[in-house]
Amino acid sequence: MTMQPISCQGCGREVLVEKFSAAHTSIQWPFDARECPFIAARDDAGTGAGFGANTHGCEQLLRTIDQAFAERSLTESGIELPVGQNVPRLH
């Protein structure tokens, strides 16, 4: 599976999302995340946790992703983990 475009219901900006499980989501911002009006407003108010937290900082986007996943318009990607001899070993 590849990343799927999702438009935020809050601001309409599009990000790319890949959902590996209910708890594991990968988000790719095709623009600077600080351009999100909700992240910018939070950071302007001094309530942000810094840029590293921006991917988790837009509640509107997270709600949009959760809703798309619940409605199955965002499908879960399968992860094939290596097994047996294919598992990387640390030396």
C-alpha atoms as a PDB file:
ATOM      1  CA  MET A   1       0.000   0.000   0.000  1.00  0.00           C
ATOM      2  CA  THR A   2       1.137   3.543  -0.530  1.00  0.00           C
ATOM      3  CA  MET A   3       0.365   6.804   1.164  1.00  0.00           C
ATOM      4  CA  GLN A   4      -3.124   8.121   0.477  1.00  0.00           C
ATOM      5  CA  PRO A   5      -4.089  11.802   0.161  1.00  0.00           C
ATOM      6  CA  ILE A   6      -6.398  13.147   2.873  1.00  0.00           C
ATOM      7  CA  SER A   7      -7.832  16.667   2.998  1.00  0.00           C
ATOM      8  CA  CYS A   8      -8.127  18.054   6.512  1.00  0.00           C
ATOM      9  CA  GLN A   9     -11.734  18.877   7.392  1.00  0.00           C
ATOM     10  CA  GLY A  10     -10.479  21.837   9.409  1.00  0.00           C
ATOM     11  CA  CYS A  11      -8.422  23.742   6.844  1.00  0.00           C
ATOM     12  CA  GLY A  12      -8.768  21.775   3.591  1.00  0.00           C
ATOM     13  CA  ARG A  13      -5.004  21.275   3.177  1.00  0.00           C
ATOM     14  CA  GLU A  14      -3.981  17.895   1.836  1.00  0.00           C
ATOM     15  CA  VAL A  15      -1.470  15.582   3.476  1.00  0.00           C
ATOM     16  CA  LEU A  16      -0.416  12.037   2.643  1.00  0.00           C
ATOM     17  CA  VAL A  17      -1.316   9.348   5.154  1.00  0.00           C
ATOM     18  CA  GLU A  18      -0.555   5.684   5.600  1.00  0.00           C
ATOM     19  CA  LYS A  19      -2.359   3.808   8.355  1.00  0.00           C
ATOM     20  CA  PHE A  20      -0.621   0.656   9.600  1.00  0.00           C
ATOM     21  CA  SER A  21      -2.950   0.035  12.556  1.00  0.00           C
ATOM     22  CA  ALA A  22      -5.381   1.932  14.746  1.00  0.00           C
ATOM     23  CA  ALA A  23      -2.386   3.191  16.751  1.00  0.00           C
ATOM     24  CA  HIS A  24       0.221   3.640  13.994  1.00  0.00           C
ATOM     25  CA  THR A  25      -0.213   6.403  11.435  1.00  0.00           C
ATOM     26  CA  SER A  26       2.409   7.904   9.157  1.00  0.00           C
ATOM     27  CA  ILE A  27       1.770  11.475   7.948  1.00  0.00           C
ATOM     28  CA  GLN A  28       3.731  13.203   5.213  1.00  0.00           C
ATOM     29  CA  TRP A  29       3.262  16.962   5.001  1.00  0.00           C
ATOM     30  CA  PRO A  30       3.828  18.217   1.418  1.00  0.00           C
ATOM     31  CA  PHE A  31       4.116  21.701   2.959  1.00  0.00           C
ATOM     32  CA  ASP A  32       5.689  23.018   6.134  1.00  0.00           C
ATOM     33  CA  ALA A  33       3.480  21.751   8.966  1.00  0.00           C
ATOM     34  CA  ARG A  34       3.791  25.151  10.642  1.00  0.00           C
ATOM     35  CA  GLU A  35       1.645  26.504   7.774  1.00  0.00           C
ATOM     36  CA  CYS A  36      -1.337  24.610   9.206  1.00  0.00           C
ATOM     37  CA  PRO A  37      -3.572  27.337  10.681  1.00  0.00           C
ATOM     38  CA  PHE A  38      -4.350  25.226  13.762  1.00  0.00           C
ATOM     39  CA  ILE A  39      -0.692  24.457  14.497  1.00  0.00           C
ATOM     40  CA  ALA A  40       0.247  28.098  13.840  1.00  0.00           C
ATOM     41  CA  ALA A  41      -2.477  29.344  16.200  1.00  0.00           C
ATOM     42  CA  ARG A  42      -1.379  26.924  18.900  1.00  0.00           C
ATOM     43  CA  ASP A  43       2.272  27.921  18.480  1.00  0.00           C
ATOM     44  CA  ASP A  44       1.383  31.645  18.453  1.00  0.00           C
ATOM     45  CA  ALA A  45      -0.441  31.137  21.732  1.00  0.00           C
ATOM     46  CA  GLY A  46       2.667  29.519  23.208  1.00  0.00           C
ATOM     47  CA  THR A  47       0.913  26.223  23.865  1.00  0.00           C
ATOM     48  CA  GLY A  48       2.875  24.192  21.285  1.00  0.00           C
ATOM     49  CA  ALA A  49       5.489  21.628  22.110  1.00  0.00           C
ATOM     50  CA  GLY A  50       7.833  22.712  19.330  1.00  0.00           C
ATOM     51  CA  PHE A  51       8.067  21.716  15.700  1.00  0.00           C
ATOM     52  CA  GLY A  52       8.813  18.054  16.395  1.00  0.00           C
ATOM     53  CA  ALA A  53       5.337  17.677  17.867  1.00  0.00           C
ATOM     54  CA  ASN A  54       3.561  19.314  14.929  1.00  0.00           C
ATOM     55  CA  THR A  55       2.564  16.044  13.289  1.00  0.00           C
ATOM     56  CA  HIS A  56       0.577  15.302  16.433  1.00  0.00           C
ATOM     57  CA  GLY A  57      -0.429  18.900  16.990  1.00  0.00           C
ATOM     58  CA  CYS A  58      -3.368  19.339  14.632  1.00  0.00           C
ATOM     59  CA  GLU A  59      -6.405  17.851  16.301  1.00  0.00           C
ATOM     60  CA  GLN A  60      -8.510  18.656  13.224  1.00  0.00           C
ATOM     61  CA  LEU A  61      -6.222  16.544  11.033  1.00  0.00           C
ATOM     62  CA  LEU A  62      -6.152  13.672  13.516  1.00  0.00           C
ATOM     63  CA  ARG A  63      -9.959  13.682  13.690  1.00  0.00           C
ATOM     64  CA  THR A  64     -10.121  13.701   9.884  1.00  0.00           C
ATOM     65  CA  ILE A  65      -7.770  10.711   9.687  1.00  0.00           C
ATOM     66  CA  ASP A  66      -9.643   8.795  12.406  1.00  0.00           C
ATOM     67  CA  GLN A  67     -12.963   9.436  10.665  1.00  0.00           C
ATOM     68  CA  ALA A  68     -11.610   8.339   7.269  1.00  0.00           C
ATOM     69  CA  PHE A  69     -10.217   5.175   8.859  1.00  0.00           C
ATOM     70  CA  ALA A  70     -13.527   4.435  10.632  1.00  0.00           C
ATOM     71  CA  GLU A  71     -15.455   4.986   7.386  1.00  0.00           C
ATOM     72  CA  ARG A  72     -12.925   2.797   5.545  1.00  0.00           C
ATOM     73  CA  SER A  73     -12.100   5.502   2.986  1.00  0.00           C
ATOM     74  CA  LEU A  74      -8.569   5.257   4.416  1.00  0.00           C
ATOM     75  CA  THR A  75      -7.505   1.644   4.312  1.00  0.00           C
ATOM     76  CA  GLU A  76      -5.004  -0.077   6.545  1.00  0.00           C
ATOM     77  CA  SER A  77      -1.663  -0.999   5.028  1.00  0.00           C
ATOM     78  CA  GLY A  78      -0.227  -4.397   5.685  1.00  0.00           C
ATOM     79  CA  ILE A  79       3.274  -4.659   7.020  1.00  0.00           C
ATOM     80  CA  GLU A  80       5.217  -7.763   6.110  1.00  0.00           C
ATOM     81  CA  LEU A  81       7.823  -8.266   8.761  1.00  0.00           C
ATOM     82  CA  PRO A  82      10.835 -10.472   8.069  1.00  0.00           C
ATOM     83  CA  VAL A  83      10.809 -13.906   9.665  1.00  0.00           C
ATOM     84  CA  GLY A  84      13.341 -16.639  10.267  1.00  0.00           C
ATOM     85  CA  GLN A  85      16.619 -16.194   8.368  1.00  0.00           C
ATOM     86  CA  ASN A  86      15.429 -12.825   7.004  1.00  0.00           C
ATOM     87  CA  VAL A  87      15.333 -11.121  10.408  1.00  0.00           C
ATOM     88  CA  PRO A  88      18.245  -8.651  10.595  1.00  0.00           C
ATOM     89  CA  ARG A  89      20.762  -9.517  13.303  1.00  0.00           C
ATOM     90  CA  LEU A  90      22.738  -7.001  15.330  1.00  0.00           C
ATOM     91  CA  HIS A  91      26.403  -7.874  15.575  1.00  0.00           C
END
